[in-house]
Amino acid sequence: MAEKKFLLRLDQDLYDRVVAKADAENRSVNKYIVHLLQEKTKDSTLENRQFVGQTVKGVDILPDSGLVSVSGIYYRYILSNTKDVDEKKMYTIIEATGNILTLKELK
């Protein structure tokens, strides 16, 4: 794919912040900006748009089958900050990758 070059004007404060972030990720300023643009413009899935950030009741998580019901659709799940599901707790969906949702127990 051919690269497209263009001029980007940033004020000094923003440029300094971009440089600091790029350095922290061991990237050049150009590669850092390209990375940010790629992340912000990649195709989003239905699950990412509709479900990330929602809360799920513990009773909607079925540990025996490894499934969770969200809006009437069953998905596989991963727990991010606990091993076992507590039916009395609430969980938030923090990530959706394919048909796998990552759930985080709310404390």
N, C-alpha and C. Protein backbone atom coordinates (compact mmCIF):
# COMPACT_ATOMS: atom_id res chain seq x y z
N MET A 1 0.85 -1.17 0.00
CA MET A 1 0.00 0.00 0.00
C MET A 1 0.90 1.24 0.00
N ALA A 2 0.58 2.19 -0.86
CA ALA A 2 1.35 3.42 -0.95
C ALA A 2 1.09 4.30 0.27
N GLU A 3 2.13 4.95 0.72
CA GLU A 3 1.99 5.85 1.86
C GLU A 3 1.59 7.23 1.38
N LYS A 4 0.79 7.89 2.15
CA LYS A 4 0.35 9.25 1.86
C LYS A 4 1.00 10.18 2.87
N LYS A 5 1.66 11.20 2.39
CA LYS A 5 2.28 12.18 3.28
C LYS A 5 1.42 13.43 3.32
N PHE A 6 1.33 14.04 4.50
CA PHE A 6 0.61 15.30 4.63
C PHE A 6 1.17 16.07 5.82
N LEU A 7 0.90 17.35 5.84
CA LEU A 7 1.38 18.23 6.91
C LEU A 7 0.38 18.22 8.06
N LEU A 8 0.88 18.08 9.26
CA LEU A 8 0.03 18.10 10.45
C LEU A 8 0.54 19.19 11.38
N ARG A 9 -0.30 20.14 11.69
CA ARG A 9 0.10 21.25 12.56
C ARG A 9 -0.41 20.99 13.98
N LEU A 10 0.51 21.02 14.94
CA LEU A 10 0.18 20.83 16.36
C LEU A 10 0.75 22.00 17.15
N ASP A 11 0.02 22.43 18.17
CA ASP A 11 0.61 23.45 19.04
C ASP A 11 1.70 22.78 19.88
N GLN A 12 2.59 23.57 20.46
CA GLN A 12 3.75 23.03 21.16
C GLN A 12 3.37 22.12 22.32
N ASP A 13 2.35 22.50 23.08
CA ASP A 13 1.93 21.69 24.23
C ASP A 13 1.47 20.30 23.78
N LEU A 14 0.63 20.25 22.75
CA LEU A 14 0.15 18.96 22.25
C LEU A 14 1.30 18.14 21.69
N TYR A 15 2.19 18.79 20.95
CA TYR A 15 3.34 18.09 20.40
C TYR A 15 4.19 17.48 21.51
N ASP A 16 4.44 18.24 22.56
CA ASP A 16 5.23 17.74 23.69
C ASP A 16 4.58 16.53 24.33
N ARG A 17 3.25 16.56 24.46
CA ARG A 17 2.54 15.41 25.04
C ARG A 17 2.63 14.19 24.12
N VAL A 18 2.51 14.42 22.82
CA VAL A 18 2.62 13.31 21.85
C VAL A 18 4.02 12.71 21.91
N VAL A 19 5.04 13.55 21.97
CA VAL A 19 6.42 13.07 22.06
C VAL A 19 6.60 12.22 23.32
N ALA A 20 6.08 12.68 24.44
CA ALA A 20 6.21 11.95 25.70
C ALA A 20 5.53 10.58 25.62
N LYS A 21 4.32 10.55 25.05
CA LYS A 21 3.60 9.27 24.90
C LYS A 21 4.34 8.35 23.94
N ALA A 22 4.82 8.89 22.83
CA ALA A 22 5.56 8.09 21.85
C ALA A 22 6.82 7.50 22.48
N ASP A 23 7.55 8.32 23.23
CA ASP A 23 8.75 7.84 23.92
C ASP A 23 8.42 6.74 24.91
N ALA A 24 7.31 6.90 25.64
CA ALA A 24 6.91 5.90 26.63
C ALA A 24 6.60 4.55 25.98
N GLU A 25 6.14 4.58 24.73
CA GLU A 25 5.83 3.35 24.00
C GLU A 25 6.97 2.93 23.07
N ASN A 26 8.10 3.65 23.18
CA ASN A 26 9.28 3.35 22.37
C ASN A 26 8.96 3.40 20.87
N ARG A 27 8.21 4.43 20.46
CA ARG A 27 7.84 4.62 19.06
C ARG A 27 8.30 6.00 18.62
N SER A 28 8.46 6.17 17.32
CA SER A 28 8.69 7.51 16.80
C SER A 28 7.37 8.27 16.87
N VAL A 29 7.43 9.58 16.77
CA VAL A 29 6.21 10.38 16.79
C VAL A 29 5.31 9.97 15.63
N ASN A 30 5.89 9.78 14.45
CA ASN A 30 5.10 9.38 13.29
C ASN A 30 4.41 8.03 13.53
N LYS A 31 5.17 7.05 13.98
CA LYS A 31 4.58 5.72 14.21
C LYS A 31 3.52 5.76 15.30
N TYR A 32 3.73 6.60 16.32
CA TYR A 32 2.75 6.73 17.39
C TYR A 32 1.44 7.31 16.85
N ILE A 33 1.53 8.36 16.05
CA ILE A 33 0.32 8.97 15.48
C ILE A 33 -0.38 7.99 14.54
N VAL A 34 0.38 7.27 13.70
CA VAL A 34 -0.22 6.27 12.81
C VAL A 34 -0.93 5.20 13.63
N HIS A 35 -0.28 4.74 14.71
CA HIS A 35 -0.89 3.73 15.59
C HIS A 35 -2.21 4.23 16.17
N LEU A 36 -2.23 5.47 16.66
CA LEU A 36 -3.47 6.04 17.22
C LEU A 36 -4.57 6.09 16.16
N LEU A 37 -4.22 6.53 14.97
CA LEU A 37 -5.22 6.63 13.90
C LEU A 37 -5.74 5.24 13.51
N GLN A 38 -4.85 4.26 13.44
CA GLN A 38 -5.30 2.90 13.12
C GLN A 38 -6.25 2.36 14.18
N GLU A 39 -5.93 2.59 15.45
CA GLU A 39 -6.79 2.12 16.53
C GLU A 39 -8.16 2.78 16.50
N LYS A 40 -8.21 4.06 16.20
CA LYS A 40 -9.47 4.81 16.22
C LYS A 40 -10.32 4.58 14.98
N THR A 41 -9.72 4.08 13.90
CA THR A 41 -10.49 3.92 12.66
C THR A 41 -10.75 2.48 12.29
N LYS A 42 -10.31 1.51 13.12
CA LYS A 42 -10.57 0.12 12.76
C LYS A 42 -12.05 -0.19 12.92
N ASP A 43 -12.49 -1.18 12.17
CA ASP A 43 -13.90 -1.56 12.19
C ASP A 43 -14.30 -2.04 13.58
N SER A 44 -15.43 -1.58 14.02
CA SER A 44 -15.96 -1.95 15.32
C SER A 44 -17.02 -3.04 15.13
N THR A 45 -17.08 -3.97 16.06
CA THR A 45 -18.08 -5.03 15.97
C THR A 45 -19.35 -4.62 16.71
N LEU A 46 -20.43 -5.33 16.43
CA LEU A 46 -21.68 -5.10 17.14
C LEU A 46 -21.46 -5.21 18.64
N GLU A 47 -20.72 -6.24 19.04
CA GLU A 47 -20.48 -6.46 20.46
C GLU A 47 -19.74 -5.29 21.09
N ASN A 48 -18.72 -4.77 20.41
CA ASN A 48 -17.98 -3.62 20.96
C ASN A 48 -18.87 -2.40 21.05
N ARG A 49 -19.67 -2.16 20.04
CA ARG A 49 -20.52 -0.97 20.03
C ARG A 49 -21.66 -1.08 21.03
N GLN A 50 -22.27 -2.24 21.15
CA GLN A 50 -23.49 -2.39 21.93
C GLN A 50 -23.28 -2.87 23.37
N PHE A 51 -22.27 -3.68 23.61
CA PHE A 51 -22.18 -4.36 24.90
C PHE A 51 -21.08 -3.88 25.83
N VAL A 52 -19.95 -3.41 25.30
CA VAL A 52 -18.86 -2.98 26.17
C VAL A 52 -19.35 -1.83 27.05
N GLY A 53 -19.17 -1.98 28.34
CA GLY A 53 -19.63 -0.99 29.31
C GLY A 53 -20.92 -1.37 30.00
N GLN A 54 -21.65 -2.33 29.43
CA GLN A 54 -22.90 -2.78 30.07
C GLN A 54 -22.59 -3.62 31.30
N THR A 55 -23.56 -3.67 32.21
CA THR A 55 -23.42 -4.55 33.37
C THR A 55 -24.29 -5.78 33.18
N VAL A 56 -23.84 -6.87 33.76
CA VAL A 56 -24.51 -8.17 33.67
C VAL A 56 -24.68 -8.70 35.09
N LYS A 57 -25.84 -9.26 35.38
CA LYS A 57 -26.08 -9.88 36.69
C LYS A 57 -25.35 -11.22 36.75
N GLY A 58 -24.88 -11.55 37.93
CA GLY A 58 -24.22 -12.84 38.12
C GLY A 58 -25.09 -14.02 37.75
N VAL A 59 -26.41 -13.89 37.93
CA VAL A 59 -27.32 -15.00 37.60
C VAL A 59 -27.40 -15.24 36.09
N ASP A 60 -26.98 -14.25 35.29
CA ASP A 60 -26.99 -14.42 33.83
C ASP A 60 -25.73 -15.10 33.31
N ILE A 61 -24.80 -15.39 34.23
CA ILE A 61 -23.56 -16.07 33.86
C ILE A 61 -23.72 -17.54 34.22
N LEU A 62 -23.48 -18.41 33.26
CA LEU A 62 -23.67 -19.85 33.44
C LEU A 62 -22.31 -20.54 33.46
N PRO A 63 -21.71 -20.69 34.65
CA PRO A 63 -20.36 -21.26 34.74
C PRO A 63 -20.24 -22.68 34.19
N ASP A 64 -21.29 -23.49 34.34
CA ASP A 64 -21.21 -24.88 33.88
C ASP A 64 -21.02 -24.97 32.37
N SER A 65 -21.66 -24.07 31.63
CA SER A 65 -21.54 -24.09 30.17
C SER A 65 -20.52 -23.09 29.65
N GLY A 66 -20.05 -22.19 30.53
CA GLY A 66 -19.09 -21.18 30.11
C GLY A 66 -19.71 -20.08 29.27
N LEU A 67 -21.02 -19.86 29.46
CA LEU A 67 -21.74 -18.86 28.67
C LEU A 67 -22.33 -17.78 29.55
N VAL A 68 -22.55 -16.62 28.94
CA VAL A 68 -23.23 -15.51 29.60
C VAL A 68 -24.30 -15.01 28.64
N SER A 69 -25.47 -14.68 29.20
CA SER A 69 -26.57 -14.16 28.39
C SER A 69 -26.55 -12.64 28.44
N VAL A 70 -26.45 -12.03 27.25
CA VAL A 70 -26.47 -10.57 27.14
C VAL A 70 -27.50 -10.22 26.07
N SER A 71 -28.54 -9.52 26.48
CA SER A 71 -29.62 -9.13 25.56
C SER A 71 -30.19 -10.33 24.80
N GLY A 72 -30.29 -11.45 25.49
CA GLY A 72 -30.89 -12.64 24.89
C GLY A 72 -29.96 -13.45 24.00
N ILE A 73 -28.70 -13.05 23.89
CA ILE A 73 -27.73 -13.77 23.07
C ILE A 73 -26.68 -14.36 24.01
N TYR A 74 -26.29 -15.60 23.77
CA TYR A 74 -25.29 -16.26 24.61
C TYR A 74 -23.90 -16.10 24.02
N TYR A 75 -22.95 -15.72 24.87
CA TYR A 75 -21.56 -15.54 24.49
C TYR A 75 -20.68 -16.32 25.45
N ARG A 76 -19.52 -16.73 24.98
CA ARG A 76 -18.51 -17.27 25.87
C ARG A 76 -17.96 -16.09 26.67
N TYR A 77 -17.35 -16.37 27.81
CA TYR A 77 -16.84 -15.27 28.63
C TYR A 77 -15.54 -15.64 29.32
N ILE A 78 -14.83 -14.61 29.70
CA ILE A 78 -13.61 -14.71 30.51
C ILE A 78 -13.80 -13.73 31.67
N LEU A 79 -13.42 -14.16 32.87
CA LEU A 79 -13.46 -13.26 34.04
C LEU A 79 -12.09 -12.63 34.20
N SER A 80 -12.04 -11.31 34.34
CA SER A 80 -10.74 -10.63 34.39
C SER A 80 -10.17 -10.50 35.80
N ASN A 81 -11.01 -10.38 36.82
CA ASN A 81 -10.47 -10.09 38.15
C ASN A 81 -10.95 -11.04 39.24
N THR A 82 -11.48 -12.17 38.85
CA THR A 82 -11.92 -13.17 39.82
C THR A 82 -11.93 -14.53 39.15
N LYS A 83 -11.93 -15.59 39.96
CA LYS A 83 -11.96 -16.94 39.40
C LYS A 83 -13.37 -17.48 39.26
N ASP A 84 -14.20 -17.23 40.26
CA ASP A 84 -15.53 -17.82 40.31
C ASP A 84 -16.61 -16.76 40.18
N VAL A 85 -17.73 -17.17 39.59
CA VAL A 85 -18.88 -16.28 39.43
C VAL A 85 -19.69 -16.28 40.72
N ASP A 86 -20.05 -15.10 41.18
CA ASP A 86 -20.93 -14.94 42.34
C ASP A 86 -22.27 -14.43 41.81
N GLU A 87 -23.32 -15.23 41.95
CA GLU A 87 -24.64 -14.87 41.42
C GLU A 87 -25.19 -13.58 42.00
N LYS A 88 -24.71 -13.19 43.17
CA LYS A 88 -25.22 -11.98 43.83
C LYS A 88 -24.51 -10.71 43.35
N LYS A 89 -23.42 -10.86 42.62
CA LYS A 89 -22.62 -9.71 42.19
C LYS A 89 -23.03 -9.26 40.79
N MET A 90 -22.55 -8.06 40.44
CA MET A 90 -22.73 -7.51 39.11
C MET A 90 -21.37 -7.51 38.41
N TYR A 91 -21.40 -7.64 37.10
CA TYR A 91 -20.19 -7.66 36.30
C TYR A 91 -20.35 -6.67 35.15
N THR A 92 -19.25 -6.06 34.76
CA THR A 92 -19.29 -5.16 33.62
C THR A 92 -18.51 -5.79 32.47
N ILE A 93 -18.98 -5.57 31.27
CA ILE A 93 -18.31 -6.08 30.07
C ILE A 93 -17.23 -5.07 29.71
N ILE A 94 -15.97 -5.50 29.77
CA ILE A 94 -14.88 -4.56 29.50
C ILE A 94 -14.25 -4.76 28.13
N GLU A 95 -14.56 -5.90 27.48
CA GLU A 95 -13.98 -6.14 26.16
C GLU A 95 -14.80 -7.18 25.44
N ALA A 96 -14.83 -7.07 24.12
CA ALA A 96 -15.50 -8.07 23.28
C ALA A 96 -14.56 -8.42 22.13
N THR A 97 -14.19 -9.70 22.05
CA THR A 97 -13.33 -10.18 20.98
C THR A 97 -14.03 -11.36 20.35
N GLY A 98 -14.53 -11.17 19.13
CA GLY A 98 -15.31 -12.23 18.49
C GLY A 98 -16.53 -12.52 19.34
N ASN A 99 -16.71 -13.79 19.69
CA ASN A 99 -17.87 -14.15 20.51
C ASN A 99 -17.48 -14.37 21.98
N ILE A 100 -16.36 -13.78 22.39
CA ILE A 100 -15.90 -13.91 23.77
C ILE A 100 -15.94 -12.54 24.45
N LEU A 101 -16.65 -12.47 25.57
CA LEU A 101 -16.74 -11.23 26.33
C LEU A 101 -15.86 -11.34 27.57
N THR A 102 -15.15 -10.28 27.88
CA THR A 102 -14.36 -10.23 29.11
C THR A 102 -15.17 -9.47 30.15
N LEU A 103 -15.40 -10.14 31.28
CA LEU A 103 -16.22 -9.58 32.35
C LEU A 103 -15.35 -9.23 33.55
N LYS A 104 -15.69 -8.11 34.19
CA LYS A 104 -14.99 -7.69 35.40
C LYS A 104 -16.00 -7.53 36.51
N GLU A 105 -15.74 -8.21 37.63
CA GLU A 105 -16.65 -8.11 38.78
C GLU A 105 -16.60 -6.70 39.36
N LEU A 106 -17.79 -6.15 39.60
CA LEU A 106 -17.87 -4.83 40.23
C LEU A 106 -17.72 -5.01 41.73
N LYS A 107 -16.88 -4.21 42.33
CA LYS A 107 -16.64 -4.31 43.78
C LYS A 107 -17.50 -3.33 44.52
